[in-house]
């Protein structure tokens, strides 16, 4: 069976982080990295003013690519929470549930954030970026790059950290896979299995070697897990919404 895989990037990131996945994906998976405004090929577009604006924009791009082919949502960090929101939007507006939802490198929607990053000074925010790892040191050595990157990252973080992702009246009707890096400081204080609260079906947690950006360090292993999950009819069921 063929699937469409829609991927959402992390805060400060671009859809280009998923381009290298193509070399590992089987032919029956058609990847669609969803780009955010103000970066990548959409660099000249203005940044979102609210999470609502971001979600509506991404939904429009998602909707144009959804057809009768079963679809899967994958998001990392901020992208995971956005993928969760989009799962609700496709259910409500298209009567379509994803065949599967992959949430990677983030806390469950109800969890109270232990560290509010968007309010930090530039210096402290750079320290947090270094702590998470996965960012080239050259970025911190070149002032012009920092001046481009930090404001975009801070705006993304503000949208995520001020939005209530948990206020949903119903569950999504697809299985959830939760991915995390064993050394990720961003998820170590949370019970990731509590993502199970948000689905009427199963929720499984998978751990990978690495820190917050393990999806870039363990790309082949992450894609291998996706193949394993979607080949299991118990975990991946492309059905219409019951609602």
C-alpha atoms as a PDB file:
ATOM      1  CA  UNK A   1       0.000   0.000   0.000  1.00  0.00           C
ATOM      2  CA  UNK A   2       1.193   3.511  -0.785  1.00  0.00           C
ATOM      3  CA  UNK A   3       1.324   6.319   1.780  1.00  0.00           C
ATOM      4  CA  UNK A   4       1.939  10.046   1.806  1.00  0.00           C
ATOM      5  CA  UNK A   5       4.268  11.142   4.596  1.00  0.00           C
ATOM      6  CA  UNK A   6       3.901  14.790   5.678  1.00  0.00           C
ATOM      7  CA  UNK A   7       6.801  16.074   7.786  1.00  0.00           C
ATOM      8  CA  UNK A   8       6.928  19.168  10.018  1.00  0.00           C
ATOM      9  CA  UNK A   9      10.224  20.820  11.063  1.00  0.00           C
ATOM     10  CA  UNK A  10      11.402  21.927  14.487  1.00  0.00           C
ATOM     11  CA  UNK A  11      11.542  25.523  15.777  1.00  0.00           C
ATOM     12  CA  UNK A  12      13.998  27.597  13.780  1.00  0.00           C
ATOM     13  CA  UNK A  13      14.196  24.797  11.224  1.00  0.00           C
ATOM     14  CA  UNK A  14      13.172  24.255   7.628  1.00  0.00           C
ATOM     15  CA  UNK A  15      11.562  21.465   5.631  1.00  0.00           C
ATOM     16  CA  UNK A  16      14.983  20.881   4.058  1.00  0.00           C
ATOM     17  CA  UNK A  17      15.950  18.771   7.101  1.00  0.00           C
ATOM     18  CA  UNK A  18      13.772  15.996   5.641  1.00  0.00           C
ATOM     19  CA  UNK A  19      15.187  16.039   2.112  1.00  0.00           C
ATOM     20  CA  UNK A  20      17.856  13.448   2.914  1.00  0.00           C
ATOM     21  CA  UNK A  21      15.129  11.017   4.006  1.00  0.00           C
ATOM     22  CA  UNK A  22      14.364  10.329   0.353  1.00  0.00           C
ATOM     23  CA  UNK A  23      17.445   8.143  -0.010  1.00  0.00           C
ATOM     24  CA  UNK A  24      16.168   5.777   2.706  1.00  0.00           C
ATOM     25  CA  UNK A  25      12.417   5.732   2.062  1.00  0.00           C
ATOM     26  CA  UNK A  26      10.792   2.871   0.194  1.00  0.00           C
ATOM     27  CA  UNK A  27       9.039   3.635  -3.080  1.00  0.00           C
ATOM     28  CA  UNK A  28       5.620   3.148  -1.491  1.00  0.00           C
ATOM     29  CA  UNK A  29       6.150   6.225   0.715  1.00  0.00           C
ATOM     30  CA  UNK A  30       5.835   9.637  -0.923  1.00  0.00           C
ATOM     31  CA  UNK A  31       7.394  12.267   1.328  1.00  0.00           C
ATOM     32  CA  UNK A  32       5.973  15.797   1.575  1.00  0.00           C
ATOM     33  CA  UNK A  33       8.054  18.079   3.831  1.00  0.00           C
ATOM     34  CA  UNK A  34       5.816  21.030   4.762  1.00  0.00           C
ATOM     35  CA  UNK A  35       7.715  24.322   4.724  1.00  0.00           C
ATOM     36  CA  UNK A  36       6.989  27.119   7.165  1.00  0.00           C
ATOM     37  CA  UNK A  37       6.825  30.771   6.158  1.00  0.00           C
ATOM     38  CA  UNK A  38       9.942  32.956   6.521  1.00  0.00           C
ATOM     39  CA  UNK A  39      12.449  30.181   5.750  1.00  0.00           C
ATOM     40  CA  UNK A  40      13.668  27.906   2.982  1.00  0.00           C
ATOM     41  CA  UNK A  41      11.841  28.410  -0.303  1.00  0.00           C
ATOM     42  CA  UNK A  42       9.366  30.640   1.579  1.00  0.00           C
ATOM     43  CA  UNK A  43      12.075  32.908   2.983  1.00  0.00           C
ATOM     44  CA  UNK A  44      10.516  36.115   1.635  1.00  0.00           C
ATOM     45  CA  UNK A  45       7.141  35.498   3.281  1.00  0.00           C
ATOM     46  CA  UNK A  46       6.429  37.180   6.646  1.00  0.00           C
ATOM     47  CA  UNK A  47       6.673  35.222   9.862  1.00  0.00           C
ATOM     48  CA  UNK A  48       3.463  34.004  11.480  1.00  0.00           C
ATOM     49  CA  UNK A  49       1.881  36.291  14.057  1.00  0.00           C
ATOM     50  CA  UNK A  50       0.075  33.494  15.888  1.00  0.00           C
ATOM     51  CA  UNK A  51      -0.050  29.716  16.154  1.00  0.00           C
ATOM     52  CA  UNK A  52      -3.534  29.870  14.627  1.00  0.00           C
ATOM     53  CA  UNK A  53      -2.100  31.577  11.535  1.00  0.00           C
ATOM     54  CA  UNK A  54       0.663  28.973  11.287  1.00  0.00           C
ATOM     55  CA  UNK A  55      -1.767  26.065  11.571  1.00  0.00           C
ATOM     56  CA  UNK A  56      -4.198  27.480   9.019  1.00  0.00           C
ATOM     57  CA  UNK A  57      -1.354  28.085   6.566  1.00  0.00           C
ATOM     58  CA  UNK A  58       0.066  24.581   6.977  1.00  0.00           C
ATOM     59  CA  UNK A  59      -3.392  23.031   6.762  1.00  0.00           C
ATOM     60  CA  UNK A  60      -3.975  24.735   3.403  1.00  0.00           C
ATOM     61  CA  UNK A  61      -0.735  23.276   2.053  1.00  0.00           C
ATOM     62  CA  UNK A  62      -1.563  19.875   3.529  1.00  0.00           C
ATOM     63  CA  UNK A  63      -5.107  19.817   2.175  1.00  0.00           C
ATOM     64  CA  UNK A  64      -3.980  20.428  -1.413  1.00  0.00           C
ATOM     65  CA  UNK A  65      -1.879  17.247  -1.289  1.00  0.00           C
ATOM     66  CA  UNK A  66      -4.376  14.958   0.439  1.00  0.00           C
ATOM     67  CA  UNK A  67      -6.272  12.592  -1.837  1.00  0.00           C
ATOM     68  CA  UNK A  68      -7.491   9.020  -1.399  1.00  0.00           C
ATOM     69  CA  UNK A  69      -3.971   7.878  -0.523  1.00  0.00           C
ATOM     70  CA  UNK A  70      -3.557   7.158   3.214  1.00  0.00           C
ATOM     71  CA  UNK A  71      -1.400   9.787   4.881  1.00  0.00           C
ATOM     72  CA  UNK A  72       0.972   9.850   7.837  1.00  0.00           C
ATOM     73  CA  UNK A  73       2.077  12.836   9.923  1.00  0.00           C
ATOM     74  CA  UNK A  74       5.592  13.182  11.358  1.00  0.00           C
ATOM     75  CA  UNK A  75       6.881  16.120  13.353  1.00  0.00           C
ATOM     76  CA  UNK A  76       9.944  16.794  15.452  1.00  0.00           C
ATOM     77  CA  UNK A  77       9.925  19.038  18.545  1.00  0.00           C
ATOM     78  CA  UNK A  78       7.694  22.025  17.636  1.00  0.00           C
ATOM     79  CA  UNK A  79       6.762  20.107  14.485  1.00  0.00           C
ATOM     80  CA  UNK A  80       5.398  17.218  16.557  1.00  0.00           C
ATOM     81  CA  UNK A  81       2.906  19.470  18.329  1.00  0.00           C
ATOM     82  CA  UNK A  82       1.915  20.994  14.989  1.00  0.00           C
ATOM     83  CA  UNK A  83       1.437  17.510  13.511  1.00  0.00           C
ATOM     84  CA  UNK A  84      -0.866  16.685  16.426  1.00  0.00           C
ATOM     85  CA  UNK A  85      -2.937  19.820  15.723  1.00  0.00           C
ATOM     86  CA  UNK A  86      -3.115  18.988  12.013  1.00  0.00           C
ATOM     87  CA  UNK A  87      -4.382  15.497  12.855  1.00  0.00           C
ATOM     88  CA  UNK A  88      -7.342  17.133  14.596  1.00  0.00           C
ATOM     89  CA  UNK A  89      -7.894  19.556  11.717  1.00  0.00           C
ATOM     90  CA  UNK A  90      -8.022  16.828   9.055  1.00  0.00           C
ATOM     91  CA  UNK A  91     -10.402  14.860  11.255  1.00  0.00           C
ATOM     92  CA  UNK A  92     -12.753  17.787  11.765  1.00  0.00           C
ATOM     93  CA  UNK A  93     -12.661  19.271   8.270  1.00  0.00           C
ATOM     94  CA  UNK A  94     -12.007  16.330   5.959  1.00  0.00           C
ATOM     95  CA  UNK A  95     -13.328  13.473   8.106  1.00  0.00           C
ATOM     96  CA  UNK A  96      -9.909  11.896   7.638  1.00  0.00           C
ATOM     97  CA  UNK A  97      -7.654  10.527  10.345  1.00  0.00           C
ATOM     98  CA  UNK A  98      -3.963  10.006   9.649  1.00  0.00           C
ATOM     99  CA  UNK A  99      -3.000   6.376   9.210  1.00  0.00           C
ATOM    100  CA  UNK A 100      -0.395   7.060  11.908  1.00  0.00           C
ATOM    101  CA  UNK A 101       1.030   9.958  13.912  1.00  0.00           C
ATOM    102  CA  UNK A 102       4.759  10.142  14.699  1.00  0.00           C
ATOM    103  CA  UNK A 103       5.692  12.677  17.381  1.00  0.00           C
ATOM    104  CA  UNK A 104       9.395  13.134  17.970  1.00  0.00           C
ATOM    105  CA  UNK A 105      11.513  15.012  20.485  1.00  0.00           C
ATOM    106  CA  UNK A 106       8.797  16.754  22.473  1.00  0.00           C
ATOM    107  CA  UNK A 107       6.637  16.603  25.585  1.00  0.00           C
ATOM    108  CA  UNK A 108       2.928  15.610  25.707  1.00  0.00           C
ATOM    109  CA  UNK A 109       0.526  18.525  25.038  1.00  0.00           C
ATOM    110  CA  UNK A 110      -0.677  18.793  28.653  1.00  0.00           C
ATOM    111  CA  UNK A 111       2.812  18.878  30.174  1.00  0.00           C
ATOM    112  CA  UNK A 112       3.877  22.031  31.953  1.00  0.00           C
ATOM    113  CA  UNK A 113       7.018  23.469  30.378  1.00  0.00           C
ATOM    114  CA  UNK A 114       9.920  23.514  32.808  1.00  0.00           C
ATOM    115  CA  UNK A 115      11.849  26.141  30.844  1.00  0.00           C
ATOM    116  CA  UNK A 116      10.337  29.037  28.864  1.00  0.00           C
ATOM    117  CA  UNK A 117      12.907  29.743  26.183  1.00  0.00           C
ATOM    118  CA  UNK A 118      11.421  32.605  24.187  1.00  0.00           C
ATOM    119  CA  UNK A 119      11.847  35.039  27.106  1.00  0.00           C
ATOM    120  CA  UNK A 120      15.572  34.377  27.516  1.00  0.00           C
ATOM    121  CA  UNK A 121      18.207  36.937  26.588  1.00  0.00           C
ATOM    122  CA  UNK A 122      20.112  36.344  23.357  1.00  0.00           C
ATOM    123  CA  UNK A 123      23.092  35.098  25.342  1.00  0.00           C
ATOM    124  CA  UNK A 124      21.039  32.627  27.402  1.00  0.00           C
ATOM    125  CA  UNK A 125      19.130  31.448  24.346  1.00  0.00           C
ATOM    126  CA  UNK A 126      22.404  30.683  22.581  1.00  0.00           C
ATOM    127  CA  UNK A 127      23.481  28.691  25.629  1.00  0.00           C
ATOM    128  CA  UNK A 128      20.275  26.654  25.423  1.00  0.00           C
ATOM    129  CA  UNK A 129      20.823  26.009  21.714  1.00  0.00           C
ATOM    130  CA  UNK A 130      24.317  24.729  22.477  1.00  0.00           C
ATOM    131  CA  UNK A 131      22.928  22.548  25.278  1.00  0.00           C
ATOM    132  CA  UNK A 132      20.499  20.883  22.879  1.00  0.00           C
ATOM    133  CA  UNK A 133      23.321  20.202  20.419  1.00  0.00           C
ATOM    134  CA  UNK A 134      22.934  19.597  16.696  1.00  0.00           C
ATOM    135  CA  UNK A 135      23.835  23.164  15.640  1.00  0.00           C
ATOM    136  CA  UNK A 136      27.057  23.902  13.775  1.00  0.00           C
ATOM    137  CA  UNK A 137      29.518  25.959  15.834  1.00  0.00           C
ATOM    138  CA  UNK A 138      30.006  28.231  12.806  1.00  0.00           C
ATOM    139  CA  UNK A 139      26.559  29.675  13.464  1.00  0.00           C
ATOM    140  CA  UNK A 140      27.700  31.069  16.817  1.00  0.00           C
ATOM    141  CA  UNK A 141      30.927  32.442  15.358  1.00  0.00           C
ATOM    142  CA  UNK A 142      29.267  34.493  12.633  1.00  0.00           C
ATOM    143  CA  UNK A 143      27.276  37.449  13.910  1.00  0.00           C
ATOM    144  CA  UNK A 144      25.320  37.880  10.663  1.00  0.00           C
ATOM    145  CA  UNK A 145      24.035  34.298  10.907  1.00  0.00           C
ATOM    146  CA  UNK A 146      23.073  34.670  14.556  1.00  0.00           C
ATOM    147  CA  UNK A 147      21.165  37.885  13.747  1.00  0.00           C
ATOM    148  CA  UNK A 148      19.145  35.977  11.141  1.00  0.00           C
ATOM    149  CA  UNK A 149      18.593  32.805  13.131  1.00  0.00           C
ATOM    150  CA  UNK A 150      17.847  33.946  16.692  1.00  0.00           C
ATOM    151  CA  UNK A 151      14.820  36.180  15.917  1.00  0.00           C
ATOM    152  CA  UNK A 152      13.203  33.429  13.824  1.00  0.00           C
ATOM    153  CA  UNK A 153      13.845  30.814  16.509  1.00  0.00           C
ATOM    154  CA  UNK A 154      12.541  33.107  19.251  1.00  0.00           C
ATOM    155  CA  UNK A 155       9.311  33.791  17.308  1.00  0.00           C
ATOM    156  CA  UNK A 156       8.768  30.071  16.736  1.00  0.00           C
ATOM    157  CA  UNK A 157       9.351  29.337  20.412  1.00  0.00           C
ATOM    158  CA  UNK A 158       6.936  32.063  21.485  1.00  0.00           C
ATOM    159  CA  UNK A 159       4.171  30.635  19.292  1.00  0.00           C
ATOM    160  CA  UNK A 160       4.697  27.159  20.745  1.00  0.00           C
ATOM    161  CA  UNK A 161       5.170  28.156  24.362  1.00  0.00           C
ATOM    162  CA  UNK A 162       2.089  30.396  24.503  1.00  0.00           C
ATOM    163  CA  UNK A 163      -0.327  28.021  22.731  1.00  0.00           C
ATOM    164  CA  UNK A 164      -2.563  25.528  24.542  1.00  0.00           C
ATOM    165  CA  UNK A 165      -2.135  22.287  22.605  1.00  0.00           C
ATOM    166  CA  UNK A 166      -4.066  20.225  25.161  1.00  0.00           C
ATOM    167  CA  UNK A 167      -7.500  21.864  24.785  1.00  0.00           C
ATOM    168  CA  UNK A 168      -9.114  19.315  22.467  1.00  0.00           C
ATOM    169  CA  UNK A 169     -12.609  17.902  23.128  1.00  0.00           C
ATOM    170  CA  UNK A 170     -11.934  14.507  21.543  1.00  0.00           C
ATOM    171  CA  UNK A 171      -9.205  11.992  20.829  1.00  0.00           C
ATOM    172  CA  UNK A 172      -7.578  11.324  17.504  1.00  0.00           C
ATOM    173  CA  UNK A 173      -8.334   7.906  16.019  1.00  0.00           C
ATOM    174  CA  UNK A 174      -4.899   6.704  14.973  1.00  0.00           C
ATOM    175  CA  UNK A 175      -1.972   5.024  16.675  1.00  0.00           C
ATOM    176  CA  UNK A 176       0.833   7.249  17.953  1.00  0.00           C
ATOM    177  CA  UNK A 177       4.558   6.530  17.894  1.00  0.00           C
ATOM    178  CA  UNK A 178       6.653   8.682  20.234  1.00  0.00           C
ATOM    179  CA  UNK A 179      10.341   9.014  19.326  1.00  0.00           C
ATOM    180  CA  UNK A 180      13.018  10.415  21.601  1.00  0.00           C
ATOM    181  CA  UNK A 181      16.777  10.644  22.011  1.00  0.00           C
ATOM    182  CA  UNK A 182      18.072   8.998  25.180  1.00  0.00           C
ATOM    183  CA  UNK A 183      20.286  12.015  25.901  1.00  0.00           C
ATOM    184  CA  UNK A 184      17.760  14.712  24.958  1.00  0.00           C
ATOM    185  CA  UNK A 185      17.606  17.383  27.697  1.00  0.00           C
ATOM    186  CA  UNK A 186      14.362  18.712  26.193  1.00  0.00           C
ATOM    187  CA  UNK A 187      12.387  15.547  27.036  1.00  0.00           C
ATOM    188  CA  UNK A 188      14.168  14.032  30.046  1.00  0.00           C
ATOM    189  CA  UNK A 189      11.778  15.598  32.598  1.00  0.00           C
ATOM    190  CA  UNK A 190       8.595  14.311  30.939  1.00  0.00           C
ATOM    191  CA  UNK A 191       6.679  11.023  30.855  1.00  0.00           C
ATOM    192  CA  UNK A 192       6.480  10.525  27.104  1.00  0.00           C
ATOM    193  CA  UNK A 193       4.086   7.582  27.370  1.00  0.00           C
ATOM    194  CA  UNK A 194       1.445  10.123  28.458  1.00  0.00           C
ATOM    195  CA  UNK A 195       0.964  10.884  24.757  1.00  0.00           C
ATOM    196  CA  UNK A 196      -1.409   7.907  25.060  1.00  0.00           C
ATOM    197  CA  UNK A 197      -3.999  10.305  26.534  1.00  0.00           C
ATOM    198  CA  UNK A 198      -4.574  11.812  23.090  1.00  0.00           C
ATOM    199  CA  UNK A 199      -5.466   8.753  21.017  1.00  0.00           C
ATOM    200  CA  UNK A 200      -8.281   6.228  21.131  1.00  0.00           C
ATOM    201  CA  UNK A 201      -5.759   3.685  19.850  1.00  0.00           C
ATOM    202  CA  UNK A 202      -2.285   2.598  20.922  1.00  0.00           C
ATOM    203  CA  UNK A 203       0.774   4.659  21.824  1.00  0.00           C
ATOM    204  CA  UNK A 204       4.329   3.315  21.795  1.00  0.00           C
ATOM    205  CA  UNK A 205       7.589   5.010  22.777  1.00  0.00           C
ATOM    206  CA  UNK A 206      10.813   4.360  20.844  1.00  0.00           C
ATOM    207  CA  UNK A 207      14.227   5.546  22.027  1.00  0.00           C
ATOM    208  CA  UNK A 208      17.264   6.323  19.882  1.00  0.00           C
ATOM    209  CA  UNK A 209      20.877   7.055  20.661  1.00  0.00           C
ATOM    210  CA  UNK A 210      21.586  10.775  20.601  1.00  0.00           C
ATOM    211  CA  UNK A 211      20.339  14.086  21.888  1.00  0.00           C
ATOM    212  CA  UNK A 212      17.564  16.421  20.815  1.00  0.00           C
ATOM    213  CA  UNK A 213      18.475  16.258  17.137  1.00  0.00           C
ATOM    214  CA  UNK A 214      18.794  12.488  16.977  1.00  0.00           C
ATOM    215  CA  UNK A 215      16.620  12.468  13.840  1.00  0.00           C
ATOM    216  CA  UNK A 216      19.541  14.058  11.978  1.00  0.00           C
ATOM    217  CA  UNK A 217      22.125  11.782  13.603  1.00  0.00           C
ATOM    218  CA  UNK A 218      20.076   8.569  13.278  1.00  0.00           C
ATOM    219  CA  UNK A 219      18.178   9.275  10.059  1.00  0.00           C
ATOM    220  CA  UNK A 220      18.429   5.770   8.631  1.00  0.00           C
ATOM    221  CA  UNK A 221      17.268   4.195  11.904  1.00  0.00           C
ATOM    222  CA  UNK A 222      14.341   6.627  12.206  1.00  0.00           C
ATOM    223  CA  UNK A 223      13.184   5.911   8.660  1.00  0.00           C
ATOM    224  CA  UNK A 224      13.591   2.185   9.315  1.00  0.00           C
ATOM    225  CA  UNK A 225      11.208   2.512  12.266  1.00  0.00           C
ATOM    226  CA  UNK A 226       8.681   4.316  10.074  1.00  0.00           C
ATOM    227  CA  UNK A 227       8.830   1.434   7.574  1.00  0.00           C
ATOM    228  CA  UNK A 228       8.402  -1.101  10.381  1.00  0.00           C
ATOM    229  CA  UNK A 229       5.409   0.689  11.876  1.00  0.00           C
ATOM    230  CA  UNK A 230       3.479   1.293   8.670  1.00  0.00           C
ATOM    231  CA  UNK A 231       4.010  -2.294   7.519  1.00  0.00           C
ATOM    232  CA  UNK A 232       2.173  -3.468  10.656  1.00  0.00           C
ATOM    233  CA  UNK A 233      -1.598  -3.372   9.992  1.00  0.00           C
ATOM    234  CA  UNK A 234      -2.257  -3.271  13.738  1.00  0.00           C
ATOM    235  CA  UNK A 235      -0.339   0.011  14.100  1.00  0.00           C
ATOM    236  CA  UNK A 236      -1.178   1.693  10.811  1.00  0.00           C
ATOM    237  CA  UNK A 237      -4.814   1.656   9.705  1.00  0.00           C
ATOM    238  CA  UNK A 238      -5.851   4.097   6.943  1.00  0.00           C
ATOM    239  CA  UNK A 239      -9.511   4.618   7.823  1.00  0.00           C
ATOM    240  CA  UNK A 240     -11.974   7.448   7.523  1.00  0.00           C
ATOM    241  CA  UNK A 241     -12.784   9.344  10.679  1.00  0.00           C
ATOM    242  CA  UNK A 242     -15.569   8.008  12.852  1.00  0.00           C
ATOM    243  CA  UNK A 243     -16.632  11.541  13.669  1.00  0.00           C
END
